[in-house]
Amino acid sequence: MQHTQASSGGAPGAQYPEVYRNLMAIGLLGAIYRASEDAAIVHEAVEMTLEDPTMYVMHRAIAVAMGGDAAYAKASLGRRIEQQPDDDNSKVALGVSMMLSGDPEWKHWLNNVLATSTDQQAREAANGVLAYLASLRTSH
């Protein structure tokens, strides 16, 4: 069985079988295509096996929002932000999730990161989202 490095929430350098990475992809695609019950089973199995599921939870939140529902992002990432108010990456993921699902309050989270964060990676992500959206407006 072929092993590949997991980039969706595993520890750096962790090796997972290809079938495991395929499960991650199936769960995320299921979320996008609104097969939420089936996808939830896959997500729960994957998240229970990850040492730190934070990145996978962010990916899941964005995928579910791409399917039109920000409730998972608001619950899971909102809870994480309450527990760790300095988690600016979760704030960016929450803002993107809300934007993708059509929630008009999405920009608050990106503006919060830009106004208060010292996390360069999170600031670049927030700026990148806003710059991309601005480029879409000017190209049409």
N, C-alpha and C. Protein backbone atom coordinates (compact mmCIF):
# COMPACT_ATOMS: atom_id res chain seq x y z
N MET A 1 0.84 -1.17 0.00
CA MET A 1 0.00 0.00 0.00
C MET A 1 0.89 1.23 0.00
N GLN A 2 0.58 2.18 -0.86
CA GLN A 2 1.39 3.39 -0.98
C GLN A 2 1.08 4.34 0.17
N HIS A 3 2.15 4.93 0.76
CA HIS A 3 2.00 5.91 1.82
C HIS A 3 2.40 7.27 1.29
N THR A 4 1.65 8.29 1.70
CA THR A 4 1.97 9.66 1.32
C THR A 4 1.93 10.52 2.56
N GLN A 5 2.57 11.67 2.49
CA GLN A 5 2.57 12.57 3.64
C GLN A 5 1.24 13.28 3.71
N ALA A 6 0.64 13.26 4.88
CA ALA A 6 -0.65 13.93 5.07
C ALA A 6 -0.42 15.41 5.27
N SER A 7 -1.15 16.21 4.52
CA SER A 7 -1.04 17.66 4.70
C SER A 7 -2.32 18.24 5.26
N SER A 8 -3.31 17.42 5.47
CA SER A 8 -4.60 17.92 5.93
C SER A 8 -4.81 17.71 7.42
N GLY A 9 -3.89 18.19 8.20
CA GLY A 9 -4.12 18.16 9.63
C GLY A 9 -3.25 17.20 10.39
N GLY A 10 -2.46 16.40 9.72
CA GLY A 10 -1.59 15.48 10.43
C GLY A 10 -0.36 16.18 10.94
N ALA A 11 0.36 15.49 11.80
CA ALA A 11 1.61 16.04 12.31
C ALA A 11 2.61 16.13 11.17
N PRO A 12 3.50 17.14 11.20
CA PRO A 12 4.50 17.26 10.14
C PRO A 12 5.29 15.96 10.02
N GLY A 13 5.41 15.48 8.79
CA GLY A 13 6.18 14.27 8.55
C GLY A 13 5.38 13.00 8.78
N ALA A 14 4.14 13.08 9.24
CA ALA A 14 3.34 11.89 9.48
C ALA A 14 3.02 11.20 8.16
N GLN A 15 3.07 9.89 8.17
CA GLN A 15 2.79 9.13 6.96
C GLN A 15 1.44 8.44 7.10
N TYR A 16 0.59 8.57 6.10
CA TYR A 16 -0.72 7.94 6.10
C TYR A 16 -0.88 7.17 4.80
N PRO A 17 -1.58 6.05 4.85
CA PRO A 17 -1.85 5.31 3.62
C PRO A 17 -2.67 6.17 2.65
N GLU A 18 -2.49 5.90 1.38
CA GLU A 18 -3.23 6.64 0.36
C GLU A 18 -4.74 6.53 0.58
N VAL A 19 -5.19 5.37 1.01
CA VAL A 19 -6.63 5.20 1.24
C VAL A 19 -7.12 6.17 2.31
N TYR A 20 -6.28 6.47 3.29
CA TYR A 20 -6.65 7.41 4.35
C TYR A 20 -6.81 8.82 3.77
N ARG A 21 -5.87 9.23 2.94
CA ARG A 21 -5.97 10.55 2.29
C ARG A 21 -7.18 10.59 1.37
N ASN A 22 -7.49 9.48 0.73
CA ASN A 22 -8.69 9.42 -0.11
C ASN A 22 -9.95 9.61 0.72
N LEU A 23 -9.97 9.04 1.93
CA LEU A 23 -11.11 9.26 2.82
C LEU A 23 -11.28 10.73 3.15
N MET A 24 -10.17 11.41 3.41
CA MET A 24 -10.23 12.85 3.67
C MET A 24 -10.86 13.57 2.48
N ALA A 25 -10.41 13.24 1.28
CA ALA A 25 -10.93 13.88 0.07
C ALA A 25 -12.41 13.58 -0.11
N ILE A 26 -12.80 12.34 0.12
CA ILE A 26 -14.21 11.96 -0.02
C ILE A 26 -15.08 12.73 0.97
N GLY A 27 -14.61 12.84 2.20
CA GLY A 27 -15.37 13.60 3.20
C GLY A 27 -15.54 15.05 2.81
N LEU A 28 -14.46 15.66 2.32
CA LEU A 28 -14.52 17.07 1.93
C LEU A 28 -15.41 17.26 0.71
N LEU A 29 -15.30 16.36 -0.27
CA LEU A 29 -16.18 16.46 -1.44
C LEU A 29 -17.64 16.22 -1.06
N GLY A 30 -17.86 15.28 -0.16
CA GLY A 30 -19.22 15.04 0.32
C GLY A 30 -19.82 16.27 0.97
N ALA A 31 -19.00 17.01 1.69
CA ALA A 31 -19.47 18.25 2.32
C ALA A 31 -19.84 19.28 1.27
N ILE A 32 -19.00 19.42 0.25
CA ILE A 32 -19.26 20.39 -0.81
C ILE A 32 -20.55 20.05 -1.55
N TYR A 33 -20.76 18.76 -1.83
CA TYR A 33 -21.92 18.34 -2.61
C TYR A 33 -23.13 18.01 -1.74
N ARG A 34 -23.11 18.47 -0.50
CA ARG A 34 -24.24 18.41 0.42
C ARG A 34 -24.68 17.00 0.78
N ALA A 35 -23.77 16.07 0.78
CA ALA A 35 -24.04 14.72 1.28
C ALA A 35 -23.60 14.70 2.74
N SER A 36 -24.22 15.57 3.52
CA SER A 36 -23.70 15.87 4.85
C SER A 36 -23.70 14.69 5.81
N GLU A 37 -24.72 13.85 5.79
CA GLU A 37 -24.75 12.72 6.72
C GLU A 37 -23.62 11.73 6.43
N ASP A 38 -23.45 11.39 5.17
CA ASP A 38 -22.37 10.46 4.81
C ASP A 38 -21.01 11.09 5.06
N ALA A 39 -20.88 12.36 4.71
CA ALA A 39 -19.60 13.05 4.90
C ALA A 39 -19.27 13.17 6.39
N ALA A 40 -20.26 13.38 7.23
CA ALA A 40 -20.02 13.53 8.67
C ALA A 40 -19.40 12.27 9.26
N ILE A 41 -19.83 11.11 8.79
CA ILE A 41 -19.26 9.85 9.26
C ILE A 41 -17.78 9.79 8.93
N VAL A 42 -17.43 10.15 7.71
CA VAL A 42 -16.03 10.15 7.29
C VAL A 42 -15.24 11.18 8.09
N HIS A 43 -15.78 12.38 8.24
CA HIS A 43 -15.09 13.44 8.97
C HIS A 43 -14.79 13.02 10.41
N GLU A 44 -15.78 12.46 11.07
CA GLU A 44 -15.59 12.06 12.47
C GLU A 44 -14.51 10.99 12.59
N ALA A 45 -14.50 10.04 11.66
CA ALA A 45 -13.47 9.00 11.69
C ALA A 45 -12.08 9.60 11.48
N VAL A 46 -11.97 10.49 10.52
CA VAL A 46 -10.67 11.12 10.23
C VAL A 46 -10.22 11.97 11.41
N GLU A 47 -11.10 12.82 11.93
CA GLU A 47 -10.73 13.74 13.01
C GLU A 47 -10.32 13.00 14.28
N MET A 48 -10.94 11.85 14.55
CA MET A 48 -10.58 11.10 15.75
C MET A 48 -9.17 10.52 15.67
N THR A 49 -8.68 10.33 14.47
CA THR A 49 -7.35 9.71 14.32
C THR A 49 -6.23 10.73 14.21
N LEU A 50 -6.55 11.99 14.03
CA LEU A 50 -5.51 13.01 13.90
C LEU A 50 -5.06 13.50 15.27
N GLU A 51 -3.77 13.64 15.45
CA GLU A 51 -3.23 14.16 16.70
C GLU A 51 -3.75 15.57 16.96
N ASP A 52 -3.73 16.41 15.93
CA ASP A 52 -4.26 17.77 16.02
C ASP A 52 -5.14 17.99 14.79
N PRO A 53 -6.45 17.89 14.94
CA PRO A 53 -7.34 18.00 13.78
C PRO A 53 -7.64 19.43 13.34
N THR A 54 -6.96 20.42 13.89
CA THR A 54 -7.29 21.82 13.63
C THR A 54 -7.34 22.15 12.14
N MET A 55 -6.30 21.81 11.40
CA MET A 55 -6.28 22.14 9.97
C MET A 55 -7.38 21.41 9.21
N TYR A 56 -7.62 20.17 9.56
CA TYR A 56 -8.68 19.42 8.89
C TYR A 56 -10.04 20.04 9.20
N VAL A 57 -10.25 20.47 10.43
CA VAL A 57 -11.51 21.12 10.81
C VAL A 57 -11.70 22.40 9.99
N MET A 58 -10.62 23.15 9.77
CA MET A 58 -10.71 24.36 8.94
C MET A 58 -11.08 24.00 7.50
N HIS A 59 -10.44 22.97 6.96
CA HIS A 59 -10.76 22.52 5.60
C HIS A 59 -12.21 22.06 5.52
N ARG A 60 -12.64 21.31 6.53
CA ARG A 60 -14.02 20.84 6.55
C ARG A 60 -14.99 22.02 6.60
N ALA A 61 -14.71 23.01 7.44
CA ALA A 61 -15.59 24.17 7.56
C ALA A 61 -15.74 24.89 6.21
N ILE A 62 -14.64 25.05 5.51
CA ILE A 62 -14.68 25.72 4.21
C ILE A 62 -15.44 24.86 3.19
N ALA A 63 -15.21 23.55 3.21
CA ALA A 63 -15.91 22.66 2.27
C ALA A 63 -17.42 22.68 2.52
N VAL A 64 -17.83 22.59 3.77
CA VAL A 64 -19.26 22.63 4.09
C VAL A 64 -19.85 23.97 3.65
N ALA A 65 -19.11 25.05 3.85
CA ALA A 65 -19.59 26.38 3.43
C ALA A 65 -19.70 26.48 1.92
N MET A 66 -18.80 25.81 1.20
CA MET A 66 -18.91 25.79 -0.26
C MET A 66 -20.22 25.13 -0.69
N GLY A 67 -20.73 24.26 0.15
CA GLY A 67 -22.03 23.64 -0.09
C GLY A 67 -23.19 24.53 0.36
N GLY A 68 -22.88 25.71 0.90
CA GLY A 68 -23.91 26.68 1.24
C GLY A 68 -24.27 26.80 2.70
N ASP A 69 -23.54 26.13 3.60
CA ASP A 69 -23.91 26.14 5.01
C ASP A 69 -22.72 26.52 5.88
N ALA A 70 -22.83 27.64 6.58
CA ALA A 70 -21.74 28.09 7.47
C ALA A 70 -21.96 27.68 8.91
N ALA A 71 -23.02 26.92 9.20
CA ALA A 71 -23.32 26.54 10.59
C ALA A 71 -22.18 25.75 11.21
N TYR A 72 -21.61 24.81 10.47
CA TYR A 72 -20.50 24.02 11.03
C TYR A 72 -19.31 24.92 11.34
N ALA A 73 -18.99 25.82 10.43
CA ALA A 73 -17.86 26.74 10.64
C ALA A 73 -18.11 27.62 11.86
N LYS A 74 -19.31 28.16 11.95
CA LYS A 74 -19.62 29.03 13.09
C LYS A 74 -19.52 28.27 14.40
N ALA A 75 -19.98 27.03 14.41
CA ALA A 75 -19.94 26.24 15.65
C ALA A 75 -18.52 25.80 15.99
N SER A 76 -17.86 25.14 15.05
CA SER A 76 -16.54 24.55 15.35
C SER A 76 -15.45 25.60 15.45
N LEU A 77 -15.37 26.49 14.48
CA LEU A 77 -14.33 27.51 14.52
C LEU A 77 -14.65 28.58 15.56
N GLY A 78 -15.93 28.89 15.72
CA GLY A 78 -16.33 29.84 16.75
C GLY A 78 -15.94 29.35 18.14
N ARG A 79 -16.15 28.07 18.39
CA ARG A 79 -15.76 27.47 19.67
C ARG A 79 -14.25 27.55 19.86
N ARG A 80 -13.51 27.27 18.80
CA ARG A 80 -12.05 27.32 18.87
C ARG A 80 -11.57 28.75 19.15
N ILE A 81 -12.19 29.72 18.50
CA ILE A 81 -11.81 31.13 18.71
C ILE A 81 -12.14 31.57 20.14
N GLU A 82 -13.26 31.09 20.68
CA GLU A 82 -13.58 31.41 22.07
C GLU A 82 -12.51 30.85 23.02
N GLN A 83 -12.05 29.63 22.74
CA GLN A 83 -11.05 28.98 23.59
C GLN A 83 -9.66 29.57 23.38
N GLN A 84 -9.36 29.97 22.15
CA GLN A 84 -8.05 30.52 21.81
C GLN A 84 -8.25 31.80 20.99
N PRO A 85 -8.51 32.92 21.65
CA PRO A 85 -8.82 34.17 20.95
C PRO A 85 -7.73 34.66 20.00
N ASP A 86 -6.51 34.18 20.15
CA ASP A 86 -5.42 34.60 19.26
C ASP A 86 -5.25 33.68 18.05
N ASP A 87 -6.16 32.74 17.84
CA ASP A 87 -6.07 31.83 16.70
C ASP A 87 -6.58 32.55 15.45
N ASP A 88 -5.70 33.33 14.85
CA ASP A 88 -6.09 34.15 13.70
C ASP A 88 -6.33 33.33 12.45
N ASN A 89 -5.70 32.17 12.31
CA ASN A 89 -5.97 31.31 11.16
C ASN A 89 -7.41 30.81 11.19
N SER A 90 -7.92 30.49 12.37
CA SER A 90 -9.32 30.07 12.48
C SER A 90 -10.26 31.22 12.15
N LYS A 91 -9.87 32.44 12.50
CA LYS A 91 -10.69 33.61 12.16
C LYS A 91 -10.77 33.80 10.65
N VAL A 92 -9.64 33.63 9.97
CA VAL A 92 -9.65 33.74 8.50
C VAL A 92 -10.51 32.63 7.91
N ALA A 93 -10.34 31.40 8.38
CA ALA A 93 -11.14 30.28 7.87
C ALA A 93 -12.63 30.51 8.12
N LEU A 94 -12.97 31.06 9.28
CA LEU A 94 -14.37 31.35 9.58
C LEU A 94 -14.90 32.43 8.64
N GLY A 95 -14.14 33.49 8.41
CA GLY A 95 -14.56 34.53 7.49
C GLY A 95 -14.76 34.01 6.07
N VAL A 96 -13.83 33.19 5.61
CA VAL A 96 -13.94 32.62 4.26
C VAL A 96 -15.15 31.70 4.19
N SER A 97 -15.36 30.89 5.21
CA SER A 97 -16.52 29.99 5.24
C SER A 97 -17.82 30.78 5.17
N MET A 98 -17.90 31.84 5.95
CA MET A 98 -19.11 32.66 5.94
C MET A 98 -19.31 33.34 4.59
N MET A 99 -18.23 33.80 3.98
CA MET A 99 -18.32 34.44 2.67
C MET A 99 -18.83 33.44 1.63
N LEU A 100 -18.27 32.24 1.63
CA LEU A 100 -18.66 31.23 0.65
C LEU A 100 -20.12 30.82 0.79
N SER A 101 -20.64 30.88 2.01
CA SER A 101 -22.04 30.48 2.22
C SER A 101 -23.01 31.65 2.07
N GLY A 102 -22.46 32.86 1.82
CA GLY A 102 -23.32 34.02 1.60
C GLY A 102 -23.69 34.79 2.85
N ASP A 103 -23.00 34.54 3.96
CA ASP A 103 -23.28 35.27 5.20
C ASP A 103 -22.67 36.67 5.10
N PRO A 104 -23.48 37.71 5.25
CA PRO A 104 -22.98 39.08 5.07
C PRO A 104 -22.00 39.55 6.15
N GLU A 105 -21.87 38.82 7.23
CA GLU A 105 -20.97 39.22 8.32
C GLU A 105 -19.54 38.68 8.15
N TRP A 106 -19.24 38.08 7.01
CA TRP A 106 -17.94 37.43 6.81
C TRP A 106 -16.76 38.37 6.94
N LYS A 107 -16.91 39.58 6.45
CA LYS A 107 -15.76 40.50 6.38
C LYS A 107 -15.26 40.93 7.76
N HIS A 108 -16.13 40.87 8.76
CA HIS A 108 -15.72 41.23 10.12
C HIS A 108 -14.50 40.43 10.55
N TRP A 109 -14.48 39.14 10.24
CA TRP A 109 -13.39 38.28 10.71
C TRP A 109 -12.07 38.62 10.03
N LEU A 110 -12.12 38.93 8.74
CA LEU A 110 -10.89 39.30 8.04
C LEU A 110 -10.40 40.67 8.51
N ASN A 111 -11.31 41.60 8.69
CA ASN A 111 -10.92 42.93 9.20
C ASN A 111 -10.33 42.83 10.60
N ASN A 112 -10.88 41.94 11.42
CA ASN A 112 -10.35 41.74 12.77
C ASN A 112 -8.90 41.26 12.72
N VAL A 113 -8.62 40.32 11.84
CA VAL A 113 -7.24 39.81 11.69
C VAL A 113 -6.33 40.93 11.21
N LEU A 114 -6.76 41.69 10.23
CA LEU A 114 -5.92 42.76 9.69
C LEU A 114 -5.68 43.87 10.72
N ALA A 115 -6.64 44.11 11.58
CA ALA A 115 -6.52 45.18 12.57
C ALA A 115 -5.74 44.78 13.82
N THR A 116 -5.77 43.50 14.17
CA THR A 116 -5.22 43.11 15.47
C THR A 116 -4.13 42.06 15.44
N SER A 117 -3.97 41.35 14.34
CA SER A 117 -3.08 40.18 14.34
C SER A 117 -1.61 40.54 14.11
N THR A 118 -0.75 39.80 14.79
CA THR A 118 0.69 39.86 14.52
C THR A 118 1.15 38.60 13.80
N ASP A 119 0.21 37.71 13.48
CA ASP A 119 0.51 36.47 12.76
C ASP A 119 0.59 36.79 11.27
N GLN A 120 1.81 36.83 10.75
CA GLN A 120 2.02 37.24 9.36
C GLN A 120 1.29 36.34 8.37
N GLN A 121 1.29 35.03 8.63
CA GLN A 121 0.62 34.09 7.74
C GLN A 121 -0.89 34.37 7.68
N ALA A 122 -1.50 34.62 8.82
CA ALA A 122 -2.93 34.91 8.86
C ALA A 122 -3.23 36.25 8.17
N ARG A 123 -2.38 37.24 8.38
CA ARG A 123 -2.56 38.55 7.73
C ARG A 123 -2.47 38.41 6.21
N GLU A 124 -1.49 37.62 5.74
CA GLU A 124 -1.34 37.41 4.30
C GLU A 124 -2.55 36.68 3.73
N ALA A 125 -3.07 35.71 4.47
CA ALA A 125 -4.26 34.99 4.01
C ALA A 125 -5.46 35.93 3.91
N ALA A 126 -5.67 36.76 4.93
CA ALA A 126 -6.79 37.70 4.91
C ALA A 126 -6.64 38.70 3.76
N ASN A 127 -5.44 39.24 3.60
CA ASN A 127 -5.19 40.17 2.49
C ASN A 127 -5.37 39.48 1.15
N GLY A 128 -4.94 38.24 1.05
CA GLY A 128 -5.07 37.49 -0.20
C GLY A 128 -6.52 37.30 -0.60
N VAL A 129 -7.37 36.98 0.37
CA VAL A 129 -8.80 36.82 0.09
C VAL A 129 -9.39 38.13 -0.40
N LEU A 130 -9.11 39.22 0.31
CA LEU A 130 -9.66 40.52 -0.07
C LEU A 130 -9.13 40.98 -1.42
N ALA A 131 -7.85 40.75 -1.69
CA ALA A 131 -7.27 41.14 -2.98
C ALA A 131 -7.89 40.33 -4.12
N TYR A 132 -8.10 39.04 -3.88
CA TYR A 132 -8.72 38.20 -4.91
C TYR A 132 -10.13 38.68 -5.22
N LEU A 133 -10.90 38.96 -4.18
CA LEU A 133 -12.27 39.44 -4.40
C LEU A 133 -12.28 40.78 -5.12
N ALA A 134 -11.34 41.66 -4.78
CA ALA A 134 -11.25 42.96 -5.46
C ALA A 134 -10.91 42.76 -6.94
N SER A 135 -10.04 41.80 -7.24
CA SER A 135 -9.68 41.55 -8.64
C SER A 135 -10.87 41.02 -9.43
N LEU A 136 -11.74 40.27 -8.78
CA LEU A 136 -12.94 39.78 -9.46
C LEU A 136 -13.87 40.93 -9.81
N ARG A 137 -13.97 41.90 -8.92
CA ARG A 137 -14.85 43.05 -9.17
C ARG A 137 -14.33 43.89 -10.33
N THR A 138 -13.01 44.07 -10.43
CA THR A 138 -12.46 44.92 -11.48
C THR A 138 -12.39 44.22 -12.82
N SER A 139 -12.42 42.90 -12.83
CA SER A 139 -12.31 42.18 -14.10
C SER A 139 -13.66 42.00 -14.79
N HIS A 140 -14.73 42.35 -14.11
CA HIS A 140 -16.06 42.18 -14.72
C HIS A 140 -16.67 43.49 -15.07
